Amino acid sequence: MAQPVLARPRTPDTAAPTGQPHGGAPAATSSTRSVHRVGVAGLDAAPGAVEFLLDAESLTETTVALAAARADVIRLVHSAVLPTPAAVRALVDVLAAEIAAVGRDRTEVRVVLQVEAVVARDEADAARRREAVTYAEAFSGAVWASSVTWLVAPVERLVADAHALAARAQVDAVELALVGASAALAPAVAAAAA
């Protein structure tokens, strides 16, 4: 199975300063943008926008290049391939370089990180829910613990955590995929995020 390339090797004579792709001009990365948007999955569809989903199955050099050339919106999904905000940030940097390589401006493409989320009643409920999921995963035999990327919190904290995650991962937006009974609270989460 082909493995995605998250960072291209640099040779000493072509190495660019930090934050710059090969070729020298500063990249318009999402880290230069101070506003990170938070939304709820399924509520913020952009009609007519070309979207690419980059998840564990589709994350290859070819799909990254196609997304950079054609997408209006690139959706990233945590997986064993993108298990941390640092891994997402590395992919965002690769996407920015690919977008620049095809002659597009980074601001033309919105990079969205889709995160599974659970709405809790309060902090104690959030801690209990995290513990229950961690316990279940410990006995599942899964290679990767996906719950470490979940956001579990009361509504207001959930939105704040999503903003913080967007800043750490350097994405333009975080989209919350509400899990289980939390899906019924989508309007409340969307209102808190607005």
C-alpha atoms as a PDB file:
ATOM      1  CA  MET A   1       0.000   0.000   0.000  1.00  0.00           C
ATOM      2  CA  ALA A   2       1.389   3.412  -0.924  1.00  0.00           C
ATOM      3  CA  GLN A   3       2.218   5.662   1.987  1.00  0.00           C
ATOM      4  CA  PRO A   4       1.472   9.396   1.769  1.00  0.00           C
ATOM      5  CA  VAL A   5       4.342  11.835   1.751  1.00  0.00           C
ATOM      6  CA  LEU A   6       3.831  14.487   4.418  1.00  0.00           C
ATOM      7  CA  ALA A   7       7.126  16.290   3.955  1.00  0.00           C
ATOM      8  CA  ARG A   8       9.317  16.468   0.918  1.00  0.00           C
ATOM      9  CA  PRO A   9      13.063  16.080   1.477  1.00  0.00           C
ATOM     10  CA  ARG A  10      15.057  19.250   0.975  1.00  0.00           C
ATOM     11  CA  THR A  11      18.564  19.453  -0.366  1.00  0.00           C
ATOM     12  CA  PRO A  12      20.911  22.067   1.111  1.00  0.00           C
ATOM     13  CA  ASP A  13      21.098  24.157  -2.082  1.00  0.00           C
ATOM     14  CA  THR A  14      17.291  24.422  -2.489  1.00  0.00           C
ATOM     15  CA  ALA A  15      16.190  24.547   1.123  1.00  0.00           C
ATOM     16  CA  ALA A  16      13.813  27.419   1.757  1.00  0.00           C
ATOM     17  CA  PRO A  17      13.585  29.306   5.040  1.00  0.00           C
ATOM     18  CA  THR A  18      10.976  28.083   7.503  1.00  0.00           C
ATOM     19  CA  GLY A  19       7.439  28.852   6.340  1.00  0.00           C
ATOM     20  CA  GLN A  20       8.446  29.106   2.684  1.00  0.00           C
ATOM     21  CA  PRO A  21       7.963  26.489  -0.009  1.00  0.00           C
ATOM     22  CA  HIS A  22      10.672  25.721  -2.568  1.00  0.00           C
ATOM     23  CA  GLY A  23      11.025  28.786  -4.723  1.00  0.00           C
ATOM     24  CA  GLY A  24      11.311  31.335  -1.923  1.00  0.00           C
ATOM     25  CA  ALA A  25       8.080  33.353  -1.727  1.00  0.00           C
ATOM     26  CA  PRO A  26       6.338  33.127   1.646  1.00  0.00           C
ATOM     27  CA  ALA A  27       3.472  30.694   1.556  1.00  0.00           C
ATOM     28  CA  ALA A  28       0.015  31.956   2.411  1.00  0.00           C
ATOM     29  CA  THR A  29      -0.549  29.263   4.981  1.00  0.00           C
ATOM     30  CA  SER A  30      -3.471  29.166   7.309  1.00  0.00           C
ATOM     31  CA  SER A  31      -1.073  30.036  10.132  1.00  0.00           C
ATOM     32  CA  THR A  32      -0.987  33.556   8.691  1.00  0.00           C
ATOM     33  CA  ARG A  33      -4.755  33.683   9.013  1.00  0.00           C
ATOM     34  CA  SER A  34      -5.973  34.595  12.459  1.00  0.00           C
ATOM     35  CA  VAL A  35      -9.599  33.505  12.064  1.00  0.00           C
ATOM     36  CA  HIS A  36     -10.469  29.829  12.356  1.00  0.00           C
ATOM     37  CA  ARG A  37     -14.049  28.856  11.688  1.00  0.00           C
ATOM     38  CA  VAL A  38     -15.929  26.156  13.595  1.00  0.00           C
ATOM     39  CA  GLY A  39     -18.994  24.478  12.115  1.00  0.00           C
ATOM     40  CA  VAL A  40     -21.114  21.358  12.357  1.00  0.00           C
ATOM     41  CA  ALA A  41     -20.745  18.626   9.734  1.00  0.00           C
ATOM     42  CA  GLY A  42     -23.648  18.543   7.328  1.00  0.00           C
ATOM     43  CA  LEU A  43     -24.892  22.048   8.105  1.00  0.00           C
ATOM     44  CA  ASP A  44     -22.348  24.100   6.178  1.00  0.00           C
ATOM     45  CA  ALA A  45     -22.430  22.648   2.672  1.00  0.00           C
ATOM     46  CA  ALA A  46     -21.095  25.020   0.017  1.00  0.00           C
ATOM     47  CA  PRO A  47     -23.272  24.520  -3.076  1.00  0.00           C
ATOM     48  CA  GLY A  48     -21.243  24.152  -6.254  1.00  0.00           C
ATOM     49  CA  ALA A  49     -17.904  23.961  -4.436  1.00  0.00           C
ATOM     50  CA  VAL A  50     -15.446  21.299  -5.546  1.00  0.00           C
ATOM     51  CA  GLU A  51     -14.577  19.260  -2.457  1.00  0.00           C
ATOM     52  CA  PHE A  52     -11.923  16.630  -1.860  1.00  0.00           C
ATOM     53  CA  LEU A  53     -11.965  14.320   1.149  1.00  0.00           C
ATOM     54  CA  LEU A  54      -8.517  13.216   2.284  1.00  0.00           C
ATOM     55  CA  ASP A  55      -8.857  10.327   4.711  1.00  0.00           C
ATOM     56  CA  ALA A  56      -6.791   7.201   5.370  1.00  0.00           C
ATOM     57  CA  GLU A  57      -7.958   5.460   2.179  1.00  0.00           C
ATOM     58  CA  SER A  58      -7.604   8.406  -0.190  1.00  0.00           C
ATOM     59  CA  LEU A  59      -4.493  10.144   1.129  1.00  0.00           C
ATOM     60  CA  THR A  60      -1.942   9.617  -1.643  1.00  0.00           C
ATOM     61  CA  GLU A  61       0.397  11.929  -3.545  1.00  0.00           C
ATOM     62  CA  THR A  62      -1.992  11.823  -6.494  1.00  0.00           C
ATOM     63  CA  THR A  63      -5.059  12.897  -4.516  1.00  0.00           C
ATOM     64  CA  VAL A  64      -3.048  15.616  -2.767  1.00  0.00           C
ATOM     65  CA  ALA A  65      -1.945  16.961  -6.171  1.00  0.00           C
ATOM     66  CA  LEU A  66      -5.484  16.744  -7.582  1.00  0.00           C
ATOM     67  CA  ALA A  67      -6.945  18.452  -4.529  1.00  0.00           C
ATOM     68  CA  ALA A  68      -4.384  21.249  -4.756  1.00  0.00           C
ATOM     69  CA  ALA A  69      -5.174  21.793  -8.427  1.00  0.00           C
ATOM     70  CA  ARG A  70      -8.963  21.539  -8.378  1.00  0.00           C
ATOM     71  CA  ALA A  71     -10.516  21.821  -4.920  1.00  0.00           C
ATOM     72  CA  ASP A  72     -12.331  24.754  -3.394  1.00  0.00           C
ATOM     73  CA  VAL A  73     -12.584  22.827  -0.115  1.00  0.00           C
ATOM     74  CA  ILE A  74     -10.252  20.088   1.127  1.00  0.00           C
ATOM     75  CA  ARG A  75     -11.621  18.042   4.028  1.00  0.00           C
ATOM     76  CA  LEU A  76      -9.139  16.208   6.224  1.00  0.00           C
ATOM     77  CA  VAL A  77     -10.160  13.381   8.532  1.00  0.00           C
ATOM     78  CA  HIS A  78      -8.104  12.109  11.460  1.00  0.00           C
ATOM     79  CA  SER A  79      -6.903   8.545  10.944  1.00  0.00           C
ATOM     80  CA  ALA A  80      -3.924   6.349  11.677  1.00  0.00           C
ATOM     81  CA  VAL A  81      -2.211   8.351   8.915  1.00  0.00           C
ATOM     82  CA  LEU A  82      -3.163  11.736  10.460  1.00  0.00           C
ATOM     83  CA  PRO A  83      -3.322  10.936  14.183  1.00  0.00           C
ATOM     84  CA  THR A  84      -2.251  14.288  15.647  1.00  0.00           C
ATOM     85  CA  PRO A  85      -2.560  18.028  15.029  1.00  0.00           C
ATOM     86  CA  ALA A  86       1.152  18.029  14.109  1.00  0.00           C
ATOM     87  CA  ALA A  87       0.537  15.437  11.369  1.00  0.00           C
ATOM     88  CA  VAL A  88      -2.396  17.493  10.074  1.00  0.00           C
ATOM     89  CA  ARG A  89      -0.224  20.635  10.144  1.00  0.00           C
ATOM     90  CA  ALA A  90       2.465  18.826   8.119  1.00  0.00           C
ATOM     91  CA  LEU A  91      -0.130  17.838   5.520  1.00  0.00           C
ATOM     92  CA  VAL A  92      -1.465  21.419   5.415  1.00  0.00           C
ATOM     93  CA  ASP A  93       2.090  22.603   4.673  1.00  0.00           C
ATOM     94  CA  VAL A  94       2.384  20.046   1.853  1.00  0.00           C
ATOM     95  CA  LEU A  95      -0.998  21.169   0.496  1.00  0.00           C
ATOM     96  CA  ALA A  96       0.100  24.828   0.601  1.00  0.00           C
ATOM     97  CA  ALA A  97       3.238  23.971  -1.372  1.00  0.00           C
ATOM     98  CA  GLU A  98       1.230  21.927  -3.902  1.00  0.00           C
ATOM     99  CA  ILE A  99      -1.339  24.729  -4.267  1.00  0.00           C
ATOM    100  CA  ALA A 100       1.457  27.222  -4.947  1.00  0.00           C
ATOM    101  CA  ALA A 101       3.110  24.787  -7.379  1.00  0.00           C
ATOM    102  CA  VAL A 102       0.004  24.747  -9.590  1.00  0.00           C
ATOM    103  CA  GLY A 103      -0.189  28.545  -9.562  1.00  0.00           C
ATOM    104  CA  ARG A 104      -3.110  28.949  -7.192  1.00  0.00           C
ATOM    105  CA  ASP A 105      -3.292  31.217  -4.187  1.00  0.00           C
ATOM    106  CA  ARG A 106      -3.658  29.429  -0.838  1.00  0.00           C
ATOM    107  CA  THR A 107      -6.607  31.675   0.035  1.00  0.00           C
ATOM    108  CA  GLU A 108      -8.583  30.095  -2.835  1.00  0.00           C
ATOM    109  CA  VAL A 109      -8.711  26.767  -1.003  1.00  0.00           C
ATOM    110  CA  ARG A 110     -10.352  26.199   2.368  1.00  0.00           C
ATOM    111  CA  VAL A 111      -8.809  23.364   4.393  1.00  0.00           C
ATOM    112  CA  VAL A 112     -11.264  21.841   6.866  1.00  0.00           C
ATOM    113  CA  LEU A 113     -10.455  19.292   9.574  1.00  0.00           C
ATOM    114  CA  GLN A 114     -13.434  17.071  10.353  1.00  0.00           C
ATOM    115  CA  VAL A 115     -13.414  15.892  13.971  1.00  0.00           C
ATOM    116  CA  GLU A 116     -15.758  13.528  15.788  1.00  0.00           C
ATOM    117  CA  ALA A 117     -17.320  15.248  18.780  1.00  0.00           C
ATOM    118  CA  VAL A 118     -19.523  14.389  21.736  1.00  0.00           C
ATOM    119  CA  VAL A 119     -21.537  16.995  23.620  1.00  0.00           C
ATOM    120  CA  ALA A 120     -21.442  16.460  27.384  1.00  0.00           C
ATOM    121  CA  ARG A 121     -23.700  17.997  30.052  1.00  0.00           C
ATOM    122  CA  ASP A 122     -20.765  19.295  32.100  1.00  0.00           C
ATOM    123  CA  GLU A 123     -17.061  18.671  32.737  1.00  0.00           C
ATOM    124  CA  ALA A 124     -17.749  15.656  34.983  1.00  0.00           C
ATOM    125  CA  ASP A 125     -19.924  14.083  32.281  1.00  0.00           C
ATOM    126  CA  ALA A 126     -17.202  14.797  29.699  1.00  0.00           C
ATOM    127  CA  ALA A 127     -14.579  13.061  31.862  1.00  0.00           C
ATOM    128  CA  ARG A 128     -16.878  10.057  32.357  1.00  0.00           C
ATOM    129  CA  ARG A 129     -17.552   9.777  28.615  1.00  0.00           C
ATOM    130  CA  ARG A 130     -13.844  10.021  27.728  1.00  0.00           C
ATOM    131  CA  GLU A 131     -13.041   7.308  30.267  1.00  0.00           C
ATOM    132  CA  ALA A 132     -15.756   4.993  28.913  1.00  0.00           C
ATOM    133  CA  VAL A 133     -14.532   5.352  25.324  1.00  0.00           C
ATOM    134  CA  THR A 134     -10.897   4.850  26.346  1.00  0.00           C
ATOM    135  CA  TYR A 135     -11.850   1.735  28.315  1.00  0.00           C
ATOM    136  CA  ALA A 136     -13.748   0.268  25.350  1.00  0.00           C
ATOM    137  CA  GLU A 137     -10.867   0.994  22.983  1.00  0.00           C
ATOM    138  CA  ALA A 138      -8.346  -0.624  25.316  1.00  0.00           C
ATOM    139  CA  PHE A 139     -10.036  -3.976  24.721  1.00  0.00           C
ATOM    140  CA  SER A 140     -10.879  -3.511  21.046  1.00  0.00           C
ATOM    141  CA  GLY A 141      -7.487  -4.517  19.691  1.00  0.00           C
ATOM    142  CA  ALA A 142      -7.451  -1.522  17.352  1.00  0.00           C
ATOM    143  CA  VAL A 143      -4.078  -0.376  16.070  1.00  0.00           C
ATOM    144  CA  TRP A 144      -4.935   3.293  16.468  1.00  0.00           C
ATOM    145  CA  ALA A 145      -7.027   4.860  19.242  1.00  0.00           C
ATOM    146  CA  SER A 146      -9.260   7.244  17.334  1.00  0.00           C
ATOM    147  CA  SER A 147     -10.801   8.636  20.512  1.00  0.00           C
ATOM    148  CA  VAL A 148      -7.645  10.639  21.228  1.00  0.00           C
ATOM    149  CA  THR A 149      -8.709  12.930  18.386  1.00  0.00           C
ATOM    150  CA  TRP A 150     -12.308  13.268  19.541  1.00  0.00           C
ATOM    151  CA  LEU A 151     -13.545  16.404  21.240  1.00  0.00           C
ATOM    152  CA  VAL A 152     -15.718  15.648  24.280  1.00  0.00           C
ATOM    153  CA  ALA A 153     -16.999  18.642  26.242  1.00  0.00           C
ATOM    154  CA  PRO A 154     -20.015  20.814  27.037  1.00  0.00           C
ATOM    155  CA  VAL A 155     -21.159  22.969  24.094  1.00  0.00           C
ATOM    156  CA  GLU A 156     -19.232  26.166  24.897  1.00  0.00           C
ATOM    157  CA  ARG A 157     -16.020  24.320  25.707  1.00  0.00           C
ATOM    158  CA  LEU A 158     -16.465  22.129  22.623  1.00  0.00           C
ATOM    159  CA  VAL A 159     -16.441  25.213  20.400  1.00  0.00           C
ATOM    160  CA  ALA A 160     -13.433  26.687  22.246  1.00  0.00           C
ATOM    161  CA  ASP A 161     -11.553  23.373  21.944  1.00  0.00           C
ATOM    162  CA  ALA A 162     -12.352  23.269  18.214  1.00  0.00           C
ATOM    163  CA  HIS A 163     -10.931  26.790  17.745  1.00  0.00           C
ATOM    164  CA  ALA A 164      -7.776  25.768  19.640  1.00  0.00           C
ATOM    165  CA  LEU A 165      -7.451  22.624  17.507  1.00  0.00           C
ATOM    166  CA  ALA A 166      -7.797  24.674  14.312  1.00  0.00           C
ATOM    167  CA  ALA A 167      -4.975  26.937  15.473  1.00  0.00           C
ATOM    168  CA  ARG A 168      -2.724  23.973  16.400  1.00  0.00           C
ATOM    169  CA  ALA A 169      -3.395  22.116  13.148  1.00  0.00           C
ATOM    170  CA  GLN A 170      -3.236  25.324  11.053  1.00  0.00           C
ATOM    171  CA  VAL A 171      -6.460  24.555   9.206  1.00  0.00           C
ATOM    172  CA  ASP A 172      -8.976  27.153   8.103  1.00  0.00           C
ATOM    173  CA  ALA A 173     -11.876  25.462   9.851  1.00  0.00           C
ATOM    174  CA  VAL A 174     -12.818  22.592  12.120  1.00  0.00           C
ATOM    175  CA  GLU A 175     -16.056  20.809  11.357  1.00  0.00           C
ATOM    176  CA  LEU A 176     -17.586  18.866  14.236  1.00  0.00           C
ATOM    177  CA  ALA A 177     -19.096  15.492  13.305  1.00  0.00           C
ATOM    178  CA  LEU A 178     -21.449  15.018  16.246  1.00  0.00           C
ATOM    179  CA  VAL A 179     -21.573  11.381  17.333  1.00  0.00           C
ATOM    180  CA  GLY A 180     -24.584   9.464  18.648  1.00  0.00           C
ATOM    181  CA  ALA A 181     -27.166  11.423  20.633  1.00  0.00           C
ATOM    182  CA  SER A 182     -25.019  14.544  20.282  1.00  0.00           C
ATOM    183  CA  ALA A 183     -26.257  14.881  16.687  1.00  0.00           C
ATOM    184  CA  ALA A 184     -29.597  16.107  18.047  1.00  0.00           C
ATOM    185  CA  LEU A 185     -27.727  19.058  19.576  1.00  0.00           C
ATOM    186  CA  ALA A 186     -26.347  20.244  16.219  1.00  0.00           C
ATOM    187  CA  PRO A 187     -28.399  23.487  16.217  1.00  0.00           C
ATOM    188  CA  ALA A 188     -27.135  24.410  19.705  1.00  0.00           C
ATOM    189  CA  VAL A 189     -23.525  23.704  18.723  1.00  0.00           C
ATOM    190  CA  ALA A 190     -23.923  25.677  15.483  1.00  0.00           C
ATOM    191  CA  ALA A 191     -25.403  28.606  17.428  1.00  0.00           C
ATOM    192  CA  ALA A 192     -22.511  28.552  19.913  1.00  0.00           C
ATOM    193  CA  ALA A 193     -20.023  28.449  17.040  1.00  0.00           C
ATOM    194  CA  ALA A 194     -21.634  31.383  15.212  1.00  0.00           C
END
